[in-house]
Amino acid sequence: MSPLIDRLTGINAVREALQAGSAIDRVVIARGRQDTRTEEIVQLARGRGIPVRFEDRGQIDRLANTKDHQGVVALAAARAAGSLEDILSHAKAGGHGGLIVLLDGVEDPHNLGAIIRTALAAGAQGVVIPERRAVGLTDTVARASAGALAHLPIARVTNLARAMEELKEAGYWLIGLDEAADKTYTQVDYTSPVGIVLGGEGKGLHELTRKRCDFVVSLPTSGPVRSLNVSVAAGVVLFEALRQRAAKTK
């Protein structure tokens, strides 16, 4: 798939892209479209771990920017996502305590790109994003990351809560960020293997995600602004982790 093409429309074009192994962010299918060719596309996508979403036909028209789409649209990805196992292997190969960022529904591509860039600069081994209710690895994310997307493993998981449990089993402590938390972000230890969990824009952490965190911390602010942009908050916490780790090695 050419980097100049951000979407493919129609059954044949989408099927061929899936069979060719093109980097695809997600496949969107019109609700009610049920036939053997559509089912083949669903199975091809899911076999490659590519999310499949079902939307109303009007939404498909807007997404495709045409009505000539046969009810099937594929959105291109700047790169293919990996797995949580890829990130854990990357962290283990580094020979030091892992540092992983988990995002609970970040939907703005500029925020995701900025977080990926900051995570790479702070020495994180990867970023975990959910399949649903979150932005994918689009060209806008790649541009916002200023090249970092090409260098940092990104895992796309079906179930974020399950990924959190897998990290715990691998020896990670999970630190969630929530403006209502009593403990501040400097009052926890980031020198052991740590997963930093950040919520989406305006919504914060979902309750099920919050409950799975070992610690929940806040960023103290002054004045009328109580919370920071998620990408800024990520930078503050990630560089506190970097500071603590650097101090421990001295």
Protein backbone atom coordinates (compact mmCIF):
# COMPACT_ATOMS: atom_id res chain seq x y z
CA MET A 1 0.00 0.00 0.00
CA SER A 2 1.49 3.32 -1.02
CA PRO A 3 2.18 5.76 1.86
CA LEU A 4 0.27 8.34 -0.20
CA ILE A 5 -2.91 6.28 0.04
CA ASP A 6 -4.53 6.41 3.48
CA ARG A 7 -7.53 4.20 2.66
CA LEU A 8 -8.66 1.46 0.34
CA THR A 9 -12.26 0.91 -0.68
CA GLY A 10 -14.07 -2.06 -2.13
CA ILE A 11 -13.94 -5.78 -1.52
CA ASN A 12 -11.22 -6.69 -4.02
CA ALA A 13 -8.82 -3.89 -3.07
CA VAL A 14 -9.13 -4.59 0.66
CA ARG A 15 -8.82 -8.37 0.22
CA GLU A 16 -5.69 -8.01 -1.94
CA ALA A 17 -4.08 -5.64 0.57
CA LEU A 18 -4.74 -8.08 3.40
CA GLN A 19 -3.37 -11.00 1.41
CA ALA A 20 -0.28 -8.99 0.45
CA GLY A 21 0.53 -8.23 4.09
CA SER A 22 0.10 -4.47 3.73
CA ALA A 23 0.18 -2.44 6.96
CA ILE A 24 -3.47 -1.81 7.79
CA ASP A 25 -4.72 0.01 10.86
CA ARG A 26 -8.28 -1.34 10.75
CA VAL A 27 -10.99 -2.62 8.46
CA VAL A 28 -14.45 -1.05 8.63
CA ILE A 29 -17.51 -2.87 7.27
CA ALA A 30 -21.06 -1.60 6.86
CA ARG A 31 -23.54 -3.09 9.30
CA GLY A 32 -25.77 -5.64 7.68
CA ARG A 33 -23.26 -6.61 5.00
CA GLN A 34 -23.11 -10.41 5.24
CA ASP A 35 -21.82 -12.63 2.46
CA THR A 36 -18.95 -15.02 1.81
CA ARG A 37 -16.64 -12.33 0.39
CA THR A 38 -17.12 -10.07 3.39
CA GLU A 39 -16.60 -12.99 5.76
CA GLU A 40 -13.33 -13.78 3.96
CA ILE A 41 -12.13 -10.21 4.62
CA VAL A 42 -13.12 -10.48 8.30
CA GLN A 43 -11.18 -13.74 8.68
CA LEU A 44 -8.12 -12.40 6.83
CA ALA A 45 -8.04 -9.29 9.02
CA ARG A 46 -8.52 -11.12 12.29
CA GLY A 47 -5.93 -13.68 11.28
CA ARG A 48 -3.41 -10.84 11.11
CA GLY A 49 -4.60 -9.21 14.33
CA ILE A 50 -6.14 -6.26 12.47
CA PRO A 51 -9.26 -4.81 14.15
CA VAL A 52 -12.57 -5.11 12.29
CA ARG A 53 -15.28 -2.57 13.07
CA PHE A 54 -18.89 -2.47 11.91
CA GLU A 55 -20.40 0.96 11.28
CA ASP A 56 -23.53 2.48 9.77
CA ARG A 57 -23.39 2.98 6.01
CA GLY A 58 -23.41 6.78 6.38
CA GLN A 59 -20.24 6.56 8.48
CA ILE A 60 -18.67 4.33 5.84
CA ASP A 61 -19.52 6.93 3.16
CA ARG A 62 -17.75 9.65 5.16
CA LEU A 63 -14.78 7.43 5.94
CA ALA A 64 -14.34 6.35 2.31
CA ASN A 65 -15.09 9.84 0.97
CA THR A 66 -17.20 8.11 -1.68
CA LYS A 67 -20.32 5.96 -1.92
CA ASP A 68 -18.57 3.52 -4.24
CA HIS A 69 -17.06 1.33 -1.52
CA GLN A 70 -19.21 -1.87 -1.47
CA GLY A 71 -19.51 -1.46 2.30
CA VAL A 72 -15.82 -2.21 2.95
CA VAL A 73 -13.01 0.24 3.78
CA ALA A 74 -9.46 -0.38 5.02
CA LEU A 75 -7.44 2.38 6.67
CA ALA A 76 -3.71 2.28 6.12
CA ALA A 77 -1.21 2.16 8.98
CA ALA A 78 2.19 3.80 9.04
CA ARG A 79 3.49 0.48 10.36
CA ALA A 80 2.12 -2.78 11.65
CA ALA A 81 1.61 -3.14 15.39
CA GLY A 82 3.39 -5.85 17.33
CA SER A 83 2.43 -7.87 20.41
CA LEU A 84 2.93 -7.51 24.14
CA GLU A 85 5.34 -10.43 23.94
CA ASP A 86 7.47 -8.39 21.50
CA ILE A 87 7.74 -5.58 24.05
CA LEU A 88 8.54 -7.91 26.94
CA SER A 89 11.27 -9.56 24.87
CA HIS A 90 12.66 -6.13 23.94
CA ALA A 91 12.73 -5.11 27.62
CA LYS A 92 14.39 -8.37 28.65
CA ALA A 93 17.03 -8.02 25.94
CA GLY A 94 17.92 -4.58 27.31
CA GLY A 95 19.16 -6.16 30.51
CA HIS A 96 17.51 -3.65 32.86
CA GLY A 97 14.18 -3.00 34.58
CA GLY A 98 11.44 -2.69 32.02
CA LEU A 99 9.55 0.57 31.45
CA ILE A 100 6.34 0.23 29.45
CA VAL A 101 3.55 2.72 28.75
CA LEU A 102 -0.07 1.54 28.58
CA LEU A 103 -2.71 3.83 27.11
CA ASP A 104 -6.34 3.43 28.12
CA GLY A 105 -8.13 4.93 25.12
CA VAL A 106 -6.04 7.80 23.73
CA GLU A 107 -7.96 8.94 20.62
CA ASP A 108 -5.99 11.97 19.40
CA PRO A 109 -3.24 10.94 16.94
CA HIS A 110 -1.10 13.94 17.91
CA ASN A 111 -1.19 12.88 21.56
CA LEU A 112 -0.27 9.29 20.69
CA GLY A 113 2.60 10.46 18.49
CA ALA A 114 3.91 12.77 21.21
CA ILE A 115 3.69 10.01 23.82
CA ILE A 116 5.60 7.59 21.59
CA ARG A 117 8.32 10.19 21.03
CA THR A 118 8.59 10.94 24.77
CA ALA A 119 8.56 7.26 25.71
CA LEU A 120 11.48 6.58 23.37
CA ALA A 121 13.43 9.56 24.74
CA ALA A 122 12.84 8.41 28.34
CA GLY A 123 14.14 4.91 27.65
CA ALA A 124 10.83 3.03 27.60
CA GLN A 125 10.80 -0.33 25.81
CA GLY A 126 7.35 -0.01 24.29
CA VAL A 127 3.81 1.36 24.27
CA VAL A 128 0.64 -0.72 24.58
CA ILE A 129 -2.60 0.47 22.96
CA PRO A 130 -6.05 -1.18 22.84
CA GLU A 131 -7.80 -2.13 19.62
CA ARG A 132 -11.07 -0.35 20.40
CA ARG A 133 -11.85 3.27 21.29
CA ALA A 134 -8.29 4.34 20.52
CA VAL A 135 -6.35 5.80 17.62
CA GLY A 136 -4.22 3.42 15.58
CA LEU A 137 -0.76 3.76 14.05
CA THR A 138 -1.73 6.20 11.32
CA ASP A 139 0.46 8.50 9.24
CA THR A 140 -0.58 11.41 11.49
CA VAL A 141 0.73 9.50 14.51
CA ALA A 142 3.98 8.79 12.67
CA ARG A 143 4.46 12.47 11.84
CA ALA A 144 3.62 13.57 15.39
CA SER A 145 6.18 11.10 16.76
CA ALA A 146 8.91 12.80 14.69
CA GLY A 147 10.33 9.45 13.62
CA ALA A 148 10.07 7.68 16.99
CA LEU A 149 7.35 5.32 15.74
CA ALA A 150 9.95 3.57 13.58
CA HIS A 151 12.14 2.80 16.62
CA LEU A 152 9.81 1.87 19.48
CA PRO A 153 7.80 -1.38 19.71
CA ILE A 154 4.05 -0.73 19.82
CA ALA A 155 1.68 -3.50 20.90
CA ARG A 156 -1.97 -3.51 20.02
CA VAL A 157 -4.03 -5.66 22.39
CA THR A 158 -7.62 -6.86 22.25
CA ASN A 159 -8.06 -6.58 26.02
CA LEU A 160 -6.06 -3.99 27.98
CA ALA A 161 -7.05 -5.47 31.35
CA ARG A 162 -5.69 -8.86 30.29
CA ALA A 163 -2.46 -7.22 29.11
CA MET A 164 -2.12 -5.59 32.53
CA GLU A 165 -2.46 -8.98 34.21
CA GLU A 166 0.19 -10.43 31.89
CA LEU A 167 2.57 -7.64 32.86
CA LYS A 168 1.96 -8.34 36.54
CA GLU A 169 2.73 -12.01 35.97
CA ALA A 170 5.97 -10.91 34.28
CA GLY A 171 6.99 -9.01 37.43
CA TYR A 172 5.83 -5.50 36.56
CA TRP A 173 4.29 -2.99 38.96
CA LEU A 174 1.49 -0.94 37.39
CA ILE A 175 1.28 2.77 38.16
CA GLY A 176 -1.86 4.56 37.01
CA LEU A 177 -2.23 8.31 36.65
CA ASP A 178 -5.42 9.89 38.00
CA GLU A 179 -5.93 13.51 39.05
CA ALA A 180 -8.02 12.40 42.06
CA ALA A 181 -5.29 10.17 43.57
CA ASP A 182 -3.93 11.10 47.00
CA LYS A 183 -0.39 9.90 46.32
CA THR A 184 1.73 12.11 44.04
CA TYR A 185 3.80 10.74 41.18
CA THR A 186 7.11 11.29 43.00
CA GLN A 187 6.07 9.10 45.94
CA VAL A 188 6.42 5.78 44.15
CA ASP A 189 9.42 3.73 43.01
CA TYR A 190 10.03 3.49 39.27
CA THR A 191 13.33 1.60 39.44
CA SER A 192 11.82 -1.89 39.20
CA PRO A 193 9.98 -3.12 36.11
CA VAL A 194 7.09 -0.67 35.77
CA GLY A 195 4.08 -0.14 33.54
CA ILE A 196 2.79 3.44 33.49
CA VAL A 197 -0.95 3.53 32.74
CA LEU A 198 -2.51 6.67 31.27
CA GLY A 199 -6.16 7.38 30.50
CA GLY A 200 -7.73 8.94 27.43
CA GLU A 201 -8.43 12.59 26.76
CA GLY A 202 -11.08 14.00 29.08
CA LYS A 203 -12.08 10.59 30.45
CA GLY A 204 -9.04 9.44 32.39
CA LEU A 205 -8.69 5.83 33.42
CA HIS A 206 -11.66 3.51 33.11
CA GLU A 207 -12.67 2.05 36.46
CA LEU A 208 -11.67 -1.51 35.53
CA THR A 209 -8.26 -0.25 34.44
CA ARG A 210 -7.80 1.83 37.59
CA LYS A 211 -8.61 -1.14 39.83
CA ARG A 212 -5.85 -3.22 38.22
CA CYS A 213 -3.14 -0.65 38.99
CA ASP A 214 -0.89 -1.37 41.98
CA PHE A 215 -0.53 2.36 42.64
CA VAL A 216 -2.54 5.35 41.46
CA VAL A 217 -0.79 8.72 41.50
CA SER A 218 -1.55 12.31 40.59
CA LEU A 219 0.35 15.28 39.24
CA PRO A 220 0.02 18.22 41.64
CA THR A 221 -1.06 21.42 39.89
CA SER A 222 -1.71 24.98 41.01
CA GLY A 223 -4.33 27.43 39.84
CA PRO A 224 -7.63 26.58 38.14
CA VAL A 225 -6.21 23.86 35.86
CA ARG A 226 -6.52 20.47 37.56
CA SER A 227 -5.24 18.18 34.85
CA LEU A 228 -2.66 18.21 32.08
CA ASN A 229 -2.83 17.03 28.49
CA VAL A 230 -2.18 13.27 28.48
CA SER A 231 1.01 13.61 26.40
CA VAL A 232 2.40 16.25 28.80
CA ALA A 233 1.47 14.11 31.81
CA ALA A 234 3.20 11.13 30.21
CA GLY A 235 6.38 13.19 29.82
CA VAL A 236 6.37 14.28 33.47
CA VAL A 237 6.00 10.74 34.81
CA LEU A 238 8.35 9.11 32.31
CA PHE A 239 11.15 11.51 33.08
CA GLU A 240 10.65 11.01 36.82
CA ALA A 241 11.16 7.31 36.10
CA LEU A 242 14.29 8.14 34.09
CA ARG A 243 15.61 10.37 36.93
CA GLN A 244 15.10 7.68 39.57
CA ARG A 245 16.73 5.01 37.43
CA ALA A 246 19.72 7.20 36.65
CA ALA A 247 20.17 8.01 40.35
CA LYS A 248 20.06 4.31 41.26
CA THR A 249 22.89 3.45 38.87
CA LYS A 250 25.27 6.09 40.24
